[in-house]
Amino acid sequence: MALVVGLTGGIGSGKSAVSDAFARLGVEIVDADSLAHELSAPGAPGLAAIRATFGDDLLLPSGDLDRVRLRRLVFADPAVRSRLEAMLHPLIAAEARRRIGTWRGAYGIVAVPLLLERGGLLSMIDRVLVVDCPEAEQLRRVVARSGLAEAEVRAIMATQLDRTRRLARADDVIDNAGPPEAIAPQVAALDLRYRQLAAQRRSPR
């Protein structure tokens, strides 16, 4: 079984950039957000469950899920968020586990934005890798890239662990407070470390 590294971090911390850097080294990636999109696409079991619970009001004319509307609804109403998570998280966990079982490398990455907050995938994680940057920088990045109002971004951040508690639970940390080019050297060092750890696990005792 490959070593499983759980990649997480607050919104705007740079998780995607870090995940992409690992992928460029040939590391296999399972992305929970991508799985959620796949499982809530037309014809997928997640969308069927959403329609059964919320009706067709959350659908676009094309039959696709109106993700913008759903996101706003979820962050405005914790009860809606809980119901949605209860539907999708078991499907995501099952598919993540299936894909991890197909990995051929020494280790792989499971990217989960709310890995520490929800904990549903923690049972399959060997090490937690946190992508870190100051919360003010998170806010600046998300507002710049998404066009969301600052209040909306703060509402999203409020659903996540604060920086101190997230870092306290990390096995490894990538500092992404600086320029994008600072990511690759840190990823390369961790890639070596994870390969060493995976080799140690395979060695007879």
N, C-alpha and C. Protein backbone atom coordinates (compact mmCIF):
# COMPACT_ATOMS: atom_id res chain seq x y z
N MET A 1 0.85 -1.20 0.00
CA MET A 1 0.00 0.00 0.00
C MET A 1 0.88 1.24 0.00
N ALA A 2 0.57 2.17 -0.89
CA ALA A 2 1.36 3.40 -0.98
C ALA A 2 1.15 4.28 0.26
N LEU A 3 2.15 5.08 0.57
CA LEU A 3 2.03 6.10 1.60
C LEU A 3 1.02 7.15 1.12
N VAL A 4 0.08 7.51 1.98
CA VAL A 4 -0.98 8.45 1.59
C VAL A 4 -0.77 9.76 2.34
N VAL A 5 -0.54 10.82 1.59
CA VAL A 5 -0.32 12.16 2.15
C VAL A 5 -1.57 12.99 1.93
N GLY A 6 -2.14 13.50 3.00
CA GLY A 6 -3.31 14.37 2.91
C GLY A 6 -2.88 15.82 2.79
N LEU A 7 -3.19 16.43 1.68
CA LEU A 7 -2.83 17.83 1.42
C LEU A 7 -4.02 18.72 1.75
N THR A 8 -3.81 19.70 2.60
CA THR A 8 -4.90 20.60 2.98
C THR A 8 -4.36 21.99 3.26
N GLY A 9 -5.26 22.90 3.57
CA GLY A 9 -4.90 24.29 3.83
C GLY A 9 -6.13 25.16 3.69
N GLY A 10 -6.07 26.35 4.20
CA GLY A 10 -7.19 27.26 4.10
C GLY A 10 -7.43 27.71 2.68
N ILE A 11 -8.62 28.23 2.43
CA ILE A 11 -8.94 28.77 1.12
C ILE A 11 -7.92 29.85 0.75
N GLY A 12 -7.43 29.79 -0.50
CA GLY A 12 -6.46 30.77 -0.96
C GLY A 12 -5.04 30.52 -0.52
N SER A 13 -4.79 29.41 0.15
CA SER A 13 -3.43 29.14 0.63
C SER A 13 -2.51 28.65 -0.48
N GLY A 14 -3.07 28.12 -1.55
CA GLY A 14 -2.24 27.64 -2.66
C GLY A 14 -2.20 26.13 -2.78
N LYS A 15 -3.23 25.46 -2.33
CA LYS A 15 -3.25 23.99 -2.39
C LYS A 15 -3.13 23.48 -3.83
N SER A 16 -3.82 24.12 -4.75
CA SER A 16 -3.78 23.66 -6.14
C SER A 16 -2.39 23.78 -6.73
N ALA A 17 -1.71 24.88 -6.43
CA ALA A 17 -0.35 25.07 -6.95
C ALA A 17 0.59 24.01 -6.40
N VAL A 18 0.42 23.68 -5.14
CA VAL A 18 1.26 22.64 -4.53
C VAL A 18 0.93 21.28 -5.12
N SER A 19 -0.35 20.98 -5.27
CA SER A 19 -0.77 19.72 -5.87
C SER A 19 -0.21 19.59 -7.29
N ASP A 20 -0.26 20.67 -8.06
CA ASP A 20 0.27 20.65 -9.42
C ASP A 20 1.78 20.39 -9.42
N ALA A 21 2.49 20.95 -8.42
CA ALA A 21 3.94 20.75 -8.34
C ALA A 21 4.26 19.29 -8.06
N PHE A 22 3.49 18.64 -7.21
CA PHE A 22 3.69 17.21 -6.97
C PHE A 22 3.37 16.42 -8.24
N ALA A 23 2.30 16.79 -8.94
CA ALA A 23 1.92 16.08 -10.16
C ALA A 23 3.02 16.17 -11.21
N ARG A 24 3.71 17.30 -11.29
CA ARG A 24 4.80 17.44 -12.26
C ARG A 24 5.96 16.50 -11.94
N LEU A 25 6.05 16.03 -10.72
CA LEU A 25 7.08 15.06 -10.35
C LEU A 25 6.60 13.62 -10.56
N GLY A 26 5.40 13.47 -11.12
CA GLY A 26 4.88 12.15 -11.40
C GLY A 26 4.10 11.53 -10.26
N VAL A 27 3.78 12.32 -9.24
CA VAL A 27 3.04 11.81 -8.09
C VAL A 27 1.56 11.72 -8.45
N GLU A 28 0.93 10.63 -8.04
CA GLU A 28 -0.49 10.44 -8.30
C GLU A 28 -1.32 11.26 -7.31
N ILE A 29 -2.36 11.89 -7.81
CA ILE A 29 -3.17 12.82 -7.03
C ILE A 29 -4.62 12.39 -7.05
N VAL A 30 -5.25 12.40 -5.89
CA VAL A 30 -6.71 12.30 -5.79
C VAL A 30 -7.19 13.62 -5.20
N ASP A 31 -8.04 14.32 -5.92
CA ASP A 31 -8.52 15.63 -5.50
C ASP A 31 -9.98 15.53 -5.09
N ALA A 32 -10.27 15.80 -3.83
CA ALA A 32 -11.63 15.64 -3.33
C ALA A 32 -12.61 16.60 -4.00
N ASP A 33 -12.18 17.81 -4.30
CA ASP A 33 -13.07 18.75 -4.99
C ASP A 33 -13.43 18.24 -6.38
N SER A 34 -12.44 17.68 -7.08
CA SER A 34 -12.71 17.12 -8.41
C SER A 34 -13.68 15.95 -8.32
N LEU A 35 -13.49 15.12 -7.30
CA LEU A 35 -14.41 13.99 -7.10
C LEU A 35 -15.82 14.50 -6.84
N ALA A 36 -15.94 15.55 -6.02
CA ALA A 36 -17.26 16.11 -5.73
C ALA A 36 -17.94 16.60 -7.00
N HIS A 37 -17.15 17.23 -7.89
CA HIS A 37 -17.71 17.69 -9.16
C HIS A 37 -18.15 16.51 -10.02
N GLU A 38 -17.32 15.49 -10.09
CA GLU A 38 -17.66 14.32 -10.90
C GLU A 38 -18.92 13.63 -10.38
N LEU A 39 -19.00 13.53 -9.06
CA LEU A 39 -20.11 12.79 -8.46
C LEU A 39 -21.42 13.59 -8.45
N SER A 40 -21.32 14.89 -8.74
CA SER A 40 -22.53 15.71 -8.81
C SER A 40 -22.80 16.20 -10.23
N ALA A 41 -22.20 15.53 -11.20
CA ALA A 41 -22.47 15.83 -12.61
C ALA A 41 -23.75 15.13 -13.05
N PRO A 42 -24.35 15.57 -14.16
CA PRO A 42 -25.56 14.90 -14.64
C PRO A 42 -25.33 13.40 -14.81
N GLY A 43 -26.27 12.62 -14.28
CA GLY A 43 -26.17 11.17 -14.36
C GLY A 43 -25.41 10.52 -13.23
N ALA A 44 -24.74 11.32 -12.41
CA ALA A 44 -23.95 10.78 -11.31
C ALA A 44 -24.82 10.64 -10.05
N PRO A 45 -24.43 9.73 -9.15
CA PRO A 45 -25.28 9.48 -7.97
C PRO A 45 -25.41 10.67 -7.04
N GLY A 46 -24.39 11.52 -6.98
CA GLY A 46 -24.46 12.68 -6.10
C GLY A 46 -25.53 13.67 -6.53
N LEU A 47 -25.61 13.89 -7.84
CA LEU A 47 -26.63 14.83 -8.33
C LEU A 47 -28.03 14.27 -8.11
N ALA A 48 -28.18 12.97 -8.29
CA ALA A 48 -29.48 12.36 -8.04
C ALA A 48 -29.91 12.56 -6.59
N ALA A 49 -28.96 12.43 -5.67
CA ALA A 49 -29.27 12.63 -4.25
C ALA A 49 -29.61 14.09 -3.95
N ILE A 50 -28.89 15.01 -4.59
CA ILE A 50 -29.16 16.44 -4.39
C ILE A 50 -30.55 16.79 -4.90
N ARG A 51 -30.92 16.27 -6.06
CA ARG A 51 -32.24 16.55 -6.63
C ARG A 51 -33.34 15.97 -5.74
N ALA A 52 -33.10 14.77 -5.20
CA ALA A 52 -34.11 14.13 -4.36
C ALA A 52 -34.34 14.93 -3.08
N THR A 53 -33.30 15.62 -2.61
CA THR A 53 -33.40 16.36 -1.35
C THR A 53 -33.85 17.80 -1.57
N PHE A 54 -33.30 18.45 -2.58
CA PHE A 54 -33.53 19.89 -2.76
C PHE A 54 -34.42 20.21 -3.96
N GLY A 55 -34.78 19.20 -4.74
CA GLY A 55 -35.59 19.46 -5.92
C GLY A 55 -34.77 20.00 -7.07
N ASP A 56 -35.46 20.51 -8.10
CA ASP A 56 -34.79 20.99 -9.30
C ASP A 56 -34.40 22.46 -9.23
N ASP A 57 -34.66 23.10 -8.11
CA ASP A 57 -34.36 24.53 -8.01
C ASP A 57 -32.86 24.82 -8.09
N LEU A 58 -32.03 23.83 -7.80
CA LEU A 58 -30.57 24.02 -7.82
C LEU A 58 -29.96 23.58 -9.15
N LEU A 59 -30.82 23.37 -10.15
CA LEU A 59 -30.31 22.96 -11.46
C LEU A 59 -30.35 24.12 -12.44
N LEU A 60 -29.36 24.15 -13.32
CA LEU A 60 -29.36 25.08 -14.44
C LEU A 60 -30.24 24.52 -15.56
N PRO A 61 -30.63 25.34 -16.53
CA PRO A 61 -31.45 24.83 -17.65
C PRO A 61 -30.79 23.65 -18.37
N SER A 62 -29.47 23.58 -18.34
CA SER A 62 -28.74 22.50 -18.99
C SER A 62 -28.87 21.17 -18.24
N GLY A 63 -29.36 21.23 -16.99
CA GLY A 63 -29.42 20.05 -16.16
C GLY A 63 -28.24 19.90 -15.23
N ASP A 64 -27.25 20.78 -15.41
CA ASP A 64 -26.10 20.78 -14.51
C ASP A 64 -26.46 21.44 -13.18
N LEU A 65 -25.69 21.10 -12.18
CA LEU A 65 -25.88 21.71 -10.87
C LEU A 65 -25.47 23.17 -10.92
N ASP A 66 -26.28 24.04 -10.34
CA ASP A 66 -25.94 25.46 -10.22
C ASP A 66 -25.01 25.61 -9.02
N ARG A 67 -23.72 25.49 -9.26
CA ARG A 67 -22.74 25.44 -8.16
C ARG A 67 -22.60 26.77 -7.44
N VAL A 68 -22.77 27.86 -8.16
CA VAL A 68 -22.67 29.17 -7.52
C VAL A 68 -23.81 29.34 -6.52
N ARG A 69 -25.00 29.00 -6.93
CA ARG A 69 -26.15 29.12 -6.03
C ARG A 69 -26.02 28.17 -4.85
N LEU A 70 -25.58 26.96 -5.13
CA LEU A 70 -25.42 25.98 -4.05
C LEU A 70 -24.39 26.45 -3.04
N ARG A 71 -23.27 26.98 -3.52
CA ARG A 71 -22.23 27.45 -2.60
C ARG A 71 -22.77 28.54 -1.68
N ARG A 72 -23.51 29.46 -2.24
CA ARG A 72 -24.06 30.54 -1.41
C ARG A 72 -25.07 30.01 -0.40
N LEU A 73 -25.86 29.06 -0.83
CA LEU A 73 -26.85 28.47 0.06
C LEU A 73 -26.16 27.72 1.20
N VAL A 74 -25.11 26.99 0.87
CA VAL A 74 -24.39 26.19 1.86
C VAL A 74 -23.76 27.06 2.93
N PHE A 75 -23.14 28.15 2.50
CA PHE A 75 -22.46 28.99 3.47
C PHE A 75 -23.42 29.91 4.23
N ALA A 76 -24.64 30.04 3.72
CA ALA A 76 -25.62 30.85 4.44
C ALA A 76 -26.39 30.03 5.47
N ASP A 77 -26.41 28.70 5.30
CA ASP A 77 -27.25 27.86 6.15
C ASP A 77 -26.48 26.59 6.54
N PRO A 78 -25.97 26.52 7.76
CA PRO A 78 -25.22 25.32 8.19
C PRO A 78 -26.01 24.03 8.08
N ALA A 79 -27.33 24.10 8.25
CA ALA A 79 -28.14 22.89 8.14
C ALA A 79 -28.11 22.34 6.72
N VAL A 80 -28.14 23.23 5.74
CA VAL A 80 -28.05 22.79 4.34
C VAL A 80 -26.68 22.17 4.08
N ARG A 81 -25.65 22.80 4.61
CA ARG A 81 -24.30 22.26 4.44
C ARG A 81 -24.20 20.84 5.02
N SER A 82 -24.77 20.65 6.18
CA SER A 82 -24.71 19.34 6.83
C SER A 82 -25.44 18.28 6.00
N ARG A 83 -26.59 18.65 5.48
CA ARG A 83 -27.34 17.70 4.66
C ARG A 83 -26.58 17.35 3.39
N LEU A 84 -25.98 18.35 2.77
CA LEU A 84 -25.23 18.11 1.54
C LEU A 84 -24.02 17.22 1.81
N GLU A 85 -23.31 17.51 2.89
CA GLU A 85 -22.14 16.70 3.23
C GLU A 85 -22.52 15.26 3.54
N ALA A 86 -23.65 15.08 4.21
CA ALA A 86 -24.09 13.73 4.54
C ALA A 86 -24.39 12.92 3.27
N MET A 87 -24.78 13.58 2.21
CA MET A 87 -25.03 12.90 0.95
C MET A 87 -23.76 12.62 0.17
N LEU A 88 -22.89 13.62 0.08
CA LEU A 88 -21.74 13.52 -0.83
C LEU A 88 -20.50 12.89 -0.20
N HIS A 89 -20.26 13.14 1.08
CA HIS A 89 -18.99 12.70 1.66
C HIS A 89 -18.79 11.18 1.62
N PRO A 90 -19.81 10.37 1.89
CA PRO A 90 -19.58 8.92 1.77
C PRO A 90 -19.23 8.51 0.34
N LEU A 91 -19.85 9.15 -0.64
CA LEU A 91 -19.54 8.84 -2.04
C LEU A 91 -18.10 9.24 -2.38
N ILE A 92 -17.69 10.42 -1.90
CA ILE A 92 -16.33 10.90 -2.15
C ILE A 92 -15.31 9.98 -1.49
N ALA A 93 -15.57 9.60 -0.25
CA ALA A 93 -14.63 8.74 0.48
C ALA A 93 -14.47 7.39 -0.21
N ALA A 94 -15.57 6.81 -0.66
CA ALA A 94 -15.51 5.51 -1.33
C ALA A 94 -14.71 5.59 -2.62
N GLU A 95 -14.95 6.65 -3.40
CA GLU A 95 -14.22 6.79 -4.66
C GLU A 95 -12.75 7.11 -4.42
N ALA A 96 -12.46 7.93 -3.40
CA ALA A 96 -11.06 8.22 -3.07
C ALA A 96 -10.32 6.95 -2.69
N ARG A 97 -10.95 6.13 -1.87
CA ARG A 97 -10.32 4.87 -1.46
C ARG A 97 -10.09 3.95 -2.66
N ARG A 98 -11.05 3.91 -3.57
CA ARG A 98 -10.88 3.07 -4.76
C ARG A 98 -9.70 3.54 -5.58
N ARG A 99 -9.56 4.85 -5.77
CA ARG A 99 -8.47 5.37 -6.59
C ARG A 99 -7.11 5.20 -5.91
N ILE A 100 -7.07 5.37 -4.59
CA ILE A 100 -5.82 5.13 -3.87
C ILE A 100 -5.36 3.69 -4.09
N GLY A 101 -6.31 2.78 -4.15
CA GLY A 101 -5.97 1.37 -4.37
C GLY A 101 -5.35 1.09 -5.72
N THR A 102 -5.46 2.02 -6.67
CA THR A 102 -4.86 1.83 -8.00
C THR A 102 -3.50 2.49 -8.13
N TRP A 103 -3.06 3.21 -7.11
CA TRP A 103 -1.77 3.90 -7.20
C TRP A 103 -0.63 2.91 -7.41
N ARG A 104 0.33 3.31 -8.23
CA ARG A 104 1.48 2.45 -8.51
C ARG A 104 2.78 3.02 -7.93
N GLY A 105 2.74 4.28 -7.50
CA GLY A 105 3.94 4.90 -6.96
C GLY A 105 4.15 4.60 -5.48
N ALA A 106 5.29 5.08 -4.97
CA ALA A 106 5.61 4.86 -3.56
C ALA A 106 4.66 5.61 -2.64
N TYR A 107 4.18 6.74 -3.11
CA TYR A 107 3.24 7.54 -2.32
C TYR A 107 2.36 8.33 -3.27
N GLY A 108 1.30 8.88 -2.70
CA GLY A 108 0.41 9.73 -3.47
C GLY A 108 -0.19 10.80 -2.58
N ILE A 109 -0.86 11.74 -3.22
CA ILE A 109 -1.46 12.89 -2.54
C ILE A 109 -2.98 12.81 -2.62
N VAL A 110 -3.64 12.99 -1.49
CA VAL A 110 -5.09 13.19 -1.46
C VAL A 110 -5.33 14.63 -1.02
N ALA A 111 -5.81 15.46 -1.94
CA ALA A 111 -6.03 16.88 -1.67
C ALA A 111 -7.45 17.08 -1.17
N VAL A 112 -7.57 17.55 0.08
CA VAL A 112 -8.88 17.70 0.72
C VAL A 112 -8.91 19.04 1.45
N PRO A 113 -9.65 20.03 0.94
CA PRO A 113 -9.66 21.34 1.61
C PRO A 113 -10.08 21.27 3.07
N LEU A 114 -11.07 20.45 3.39
CA LEU A 114 -11.58 20.38 4.77
C LEU A 114 -11.18 19.07 5.45
N LEU A 115 -9.98 18.60 5.16
CA LEU A 115 -9.51 17.34 5.72
C LEU A 115 -9.57 17.34 7.24
N LEU A 116 -9.10 18.42 7.87
CA LEU A 116 -9.04 18.48 9.33
C LEU A 116 -10.37 18.90 9.94
N GLU A 117 -11.14 19.69 9.20
CA GLU A 117 -12.41 20.17 9.73
C GLU A 117 -13.47 19.06 9.77
N ARG A 118 -13.53 18.26 8.73
CA ARG A 118 -14.58 17.24 8.64
C ARG A 118 -14.07 15.87 9.08
N GLY A 119 -12.84 15.55 8.74
CA GLY A 119 -12.21 14.34 9.24
C GLY A 119 -12.64 13.05 8.58
N GLY A 120 -13.55 13.11 7.61
CA GLY A 120 -14.07 11.89 7.03
C GLY A 120 -13.04 11.06 6.29
N LEU A 121 -12.00 11.70 5.77
CA LEU A 121 -10.97 10.98 5.01
C LEU A 121 -9.70 10.74 5.83
N LEU A 122 -9.68 11.20 7.05
CA LEU A 122 -8.45 11.09 7.85
C LEU A 122 -8.04 9.65 8.09
N SER A 123 -9.00 8.74 8.11
CA SER A 123 -8.67 7.34 8.40
C SER A 123 -7.77 6.72 7.33
N MET A 124 -7.75 7.30 6.14
CA MET A 124 -6.91 6.74 5.09
C MET A 124 -5.61 7.53 4.87
N ILE A 125 -5.36 8.52 5.74
CA ILE A 125 -4.21 9.41 5.59
C ILE A 125 -3.08 9.00 6.53
N ASP A 126 -1.85 8.93 5.98
CA ASP A 126 -0.68 8.62 6.81
C ASP A 126 0.02 9.87 7.32
N ARG A 127 0.04 10.93 6.51
CA ARG A 127 0.68 12.18 6.93
C ARG A 127 -0.17 13.35 6.45
N VAL A 128 -0.22 14.39 7.26
CA VAL A 128 -0.97 15.60 6.91
C VAL A 128 0.01 16.69 6.48
N LEU A 129 -0.16 17.17 5.26
CA LEU A 129 0.66 18.25 4.72
C LEU A 129 -0.20 19.50 4.61
N VAL A 130 0.18 20.53 5.32
CA VAL A 130 -0.56 21.79 5.32
C VAL A 130 0.16 22.82 4.47
N VAL A 131 -0.58 23.44 3.56
CA VAL A 131 -0.07 24.59 2.80
C VAL A 131 -0.48 25.84 3.58
N ASP A 132 0.52 26.64 3.94
CA ASP A 132 0.28 27.73 4.88
C ASP A 132 0.63 29.09 4.29
N CYS A 133 -0.19 30.07 4.62
CA CYS A 133 0.15 31.47 4.37
C CYS A 133 -0.68 32.31 5.34
N PRO A 134 -0.30 33.57 5.57
CA PRO A 134 -1.07 34.42 6.49
C PRO A 134 -2.52 34.57 6.04
N GLU A 135 -3.42 34.70 7.00
CA GLU A 135 -4.84 34.77 6.67
C GLU A 135 -5.17 36.02 5.85
N ALA A 136 -4.44 37.10 6.07
CA ALA A 136 -4.67 38.30 5.27
C ALA A 136 -4.33 38.05 3.81
N GLU A 137 -3.30 37.23 3.57
CA GLU A 137 -2.93 36.89 2.20
C GLU A 137 -3.95 35.95 1.57
N GLN A 138 -4.49 35.03 2.35
CA GLN A 138 -5.57 34.18 1.86
C GLN A 138 -6.72 35.06 1.34
N LEU A 139 -7.14 36.01 2.16
CA LEU A 139 -8.25 36.88 1.81
C LEU A 139 -7.96 37.65 0.53
N ARG A 140 -6.76 38.21 0.44
CA ARG A 140 -6.39 39.00 -0.75
C ARG A 140 -6.44 38.14 -2.00
N ARG A 141 -5.89 36.95 -1.93
CA ARG A 141 -5.84 36.08 -3.11
C ARG A 141 -7.22 35.67 -3.57
N VAL A 142 -8.08 35.29 -2.63
CA VAL A 142 -9.41 34.80 -3.03
C VAL A 142 -10.26 35.92 -3.62
N VAL A 143 -10.21 37.09 -3.02
CA VAL A 143 -10.96 38.23 -3.56
C VAL A 143 -10.47 38.54 -4.98
N ALA A 144 -9.14 38.50 -5.18
CA ALA A 144 -8.57 38.84 -6.48
C ALA A 144 -8.94 37.83 -7.56
N ARG A 145 -8.97 36.56 -7.20
CA ARG A 145 -9.18 35.54 -8.23
C ARG A 145 -10.65 35.22 -8.48
N SER A 146 -11.50 35.41 -7.48
CA SER A 146 -12.87 34.93 -7.58
C SER A 146 -13.90 36.03 -7.80
N GLY A 147 -13.55 37.24 -7.40
CA GLY A 147 -14.52 38.32 -7.47
C GLY A 147 -15.54 38.31 -6.35
N LEU A 148 -15.38 37.37 -5.41
CA LEU A 148 -16.29 37.34 -4.26
C LEU A 148 -16.05 38.57 -3.38
N ALA A 149 -17.10 39.00 -2.71
CA ALA A 149 -16.95 40.10 -1.75
C ALA A 149 -16.13 39.61 -0.56
N GLU A 150 -15.44 40.56 0.07
CA GLU A 150 -14.61 40.20 1.21
C GLU A 150 -15.42 39.50 2.30
N ALA A 151 -16.66 39.94 2.50
CA ALA A 151 -17.50 39.32 3.54
C ALA A 151 -17.79 37.86 3.20
N GLU A 152 -17.99 37.56 1.91
CA GLU A 152 -18.25 36.17 1.52
C GLU A 152 -17.02 35.31 1.78
N VAL A 153 -15.85 35.84 1.49
CA VAL A 153 -14.61 35.08 1.71
C VAL A 153 -14.40 34.85 3.20
N ARG A 154 -14.66 35.86 3.99
CA ARG A 154 -14.51 35.70 5.44
C ARG A 154 -15.49 34.65 5.98
N ALA A 155 -16.67 34.59 5.39
CA ALA A 155 -17.66 33.58 5.82
C ALA A 155 -17.15 32.17 5.53
N ILE A 156 -16.50 32.01 4.37
CA ILE A 156 -15.92 30.71 4.03
C ILE A 156 -14.79 30.38 5.00
N MET A 157 -13.92 31.36 5.26
CA MET A 157 -12.79 31.14 6.16
C MET A 157 -13.28 30.78 7.57
N ALA A 158 -14.42 31.31 7.95
CA ALA A 158 -14.95 31.04 9.29
C ALA A 158 -15.38 29.59 9.46
N THR A 159 -15.62 28.89 8.34
CA THR A 159 -15.99 27.47 8.43
C THR A 159 -14.77 26.57 8.52
N GLN A 160 -13.57 27.16 8.40
CA GLN A 160 -12.34 26.38 8.41
C GLN A 160 -11.58 26.61 9.71
N LEU A 161 -10.68 25.67 10.04
CA LEU A 161 -9.83 25.87 11.19
C LEU A 161 -9.01 27.14 11.02
N ASP A 162 -8.73 27.82 12.13
CA ASP A 162 -7.83 28.97 12.01
C ASP A 162 -6.41 28.46 11.80
N ARG A 163 -5.55 29.39 11.42
CA ARG A 163 -4.19 29.03 11.02
C ARG A 163 -3.44 28.29 12.12
N THR A 164 -3.54 28.76 13.34
CA THR A 164 -2.78 28.17 14.45
C THR A 164 -3.18 26.73 14.68
N ARG A 165 -4.48 26.46 14.71
CA ARG A 165 -4.94 25.09 14.97
C ARG A 165 -4.62 24.16 13.79
N ARG A 166 -4.68 24.69 12.59
CA ARG A 166 -4.35 23.86 11.43
C ARG A 166 -2.88 23.45 11.47
N LEU A 167 -2.02 24.41 11.73
CA LEU A 167 -0.58 24.11 11.78
C LEU A 167 -0.24 23.14 12.91
N ALA A 168 -0.97 23.22 14.00
CA ALA A 168 -0.70 22.34 15.14
C ALA A 168 -0.95 20.87 14.78
N ARG A 169 -1.75 20.63 13.76
CA ARG A 169 -2.09 19.25 13.38
C ARG A 169 -1.32 18.77 12.16
N ALA A 170 -0.39 19.59 11.69
CA ALA A 170 0.37 19.23 10.49
C ALA A 170 1.56 18.34 10.83
N ASP A 171 1.80 17.35 9.97
CA ASP A 171 3.06 16.61 10.02
C ASP A 171 4.13 17.33 9.21
N ASP A 172 3.70 17.98 8.14
CA ASP A 172 4.60 18.71 7.25
C ASP A 172 3.92 20.00 6.82
N VAL A 173 4.73 21.02 6.51
CA VAL A 173 4.18 22.33 6.14
C VAL A 173 4.93 22.86 4.93
N ILE A 174 4.19 23.40 3.98
CA ILE A 174 4.76 24.18 2.89
C ILE A 174 4.40 25.64 3.12
N ASP A 175 5.41 26.48 3.17
CA ASP A 175 5.22 27.92 3.36
C ASP A 175 4.94 28.55 2.00
N ASN A 176 3.72 29.01 1.81
CA ASN A 176 3.36 29.64 0.54
C ASN A 176 3.01 31.11 0.73
N ALA A 177 3.70 31.75 1.65
CA ALA A 177 3.51 33.19 1.85
C ALA A 177 4.25 34.00 0.80
N GLY A 178 5.22 33.38 0.14
CA GLY A 178 6.06 34.10 -0.80
C GLY A 178 5.63 33.92 -2.24
N PRO A 179 6.56 34.09 -3.18
CA PRO A 179 6.24 34.00 -4.61
C PRO A 179 6.00 32.56 -5.04
N PRO A 180 5.31 32.36 -6.16
CA PRO A 180 5.00 31.00 -6.62
C PRO A 180 6.22 30.11 -6.82
N GLU A 181 7.33 30.71 -7.23
CA GLU A 181 8.52 29.91 -7.50
C GLU A 181 9.14 29.31 -6.24
N ALA A 182 8.68 29.74 -5.08
CA ALA A 182 9.19 29.16 -3.83
C ALA A 182 8.57 27.81 -3.52
N ILE A 183 7.54 27.42 -4.27
CA ILE A 183 6.85 26.16 -3.99
C ILE A 183 7.67 24.95 -4.43
N ALA A 184 8.20 24.98 -5.65
CA ALA A 184 8.85 23.80 -6.22
C ALA A 184 9.98 23.24 -5.37
N PRO A 185 10.89 24.06 -4.83
CA PRO A 185 11.96 23.48 -4.01
C PRO A 185 11.43 22.79 -2.75
N GLN A 186 10.38 23.34 -2.15
CA GLN A 186 9.81 22.71 -0.96
C GLN A 186 9.15 21.38 -1.32
N VAL A 187 8.47 21.35 -2.46
CA VAL A 187 7.84 20.12 -2.91
C VAL A 187 8.88 19.06 -3.23
N ALA A 188 9.97 19.47 -3.87
CA ALA A 188 11.04 18.52 -4.19
C ALA A 188 11.62 17.89 -2.93
N ALA A 189 11.81 18.70 -1.89
CA ALA A 189 12.35 18.17 -0.63
C ALA A 189 11.38 17.20 0.01
N LEU A 190 10.09 17.52 -0.02
CA LEU A 190 9.10 16.62 0.55
C LEU A 190 8.95 15.35 -0.28
N ASP A 191 9.06 15.48 -1.59
CA ASP A 191 8.99 14.30 -2.45
C ASP A 191 10.07 13.30 -2.04
N LEU A 192 11.27 13.76 -1.82
CA LEU A 192 12.36 12.89 -1.38
C LEU A 192 12.03 12.28 -0.02
N ARG A 193 11.54 13.10 0.89
CA ARG A 193 11.19 12.63 2.23
C ARG A 193 10.12 11.56 2.18
N TYR A 194 9.08 11.78 1.40
CA TYR A 194 7.98 10.82 1.34
C TYR A 194 8.43 9.51 0.70
N ARG A 195 9.30 9.59 -0.29
CA ARG A 195 9.81 8.35 -0.89
C ARG A 195 10.64 7.56 0.12
N GLN A 196 11.39 8.28 0.94
CA GLN A 196 12.17 7.61 1.99
C GLN A 196 11.25 6.95 3.01
N LEU A 197 10.22 7.66 3.42
CA LEU A 197 9.28 7.11 4.40
C LEU A 197 8.56 5.89 3.83
N ALA A 198 8.20 5.96 2.55
CA ALA A 198 7.50 4.83 1.92
C ALA A 198 8.43 3.62 1.85
N ALA A 199 9.70 3.85 1.56
CA ALA A 199 10.67 2.75 1.49
C ALA A 199 10.84 2.12 2.87
N GLN A 200 10.87 2.94 3.91
CA GLN A 200 11.01 2.42 5.27
C GLN A 200 9.82 1.55 5.63
N ARG A 201 8.64 1.94 5.20
CA ARG A 201 7.44 1.15 5.50
C ARG A 201 7.49 -0.22 4.84
N ARG A 202 8.09 -0.27 3.66
CA ARG A 202 8.15 -1.52 2.92
C ARG A 202 9.26 -2.43 3.39
N SER A 203 10.26 -1.86 4.08
CA SER A 203 11.41 -2.66 4.52
C SER A 203 11.00 -3.64 5.60
N PRO A 204 11.50 -4.88 5.55
CA PRO A 204 11.17 -5.84 6.62
C PRO A 204 11.78 -5.41 7.93
N ARG A 205 11.08 -5.69 9.02
CA ARG A 205 11.55 -5.29 10.35
C ARG A 205 12.12 -6.49 11.09
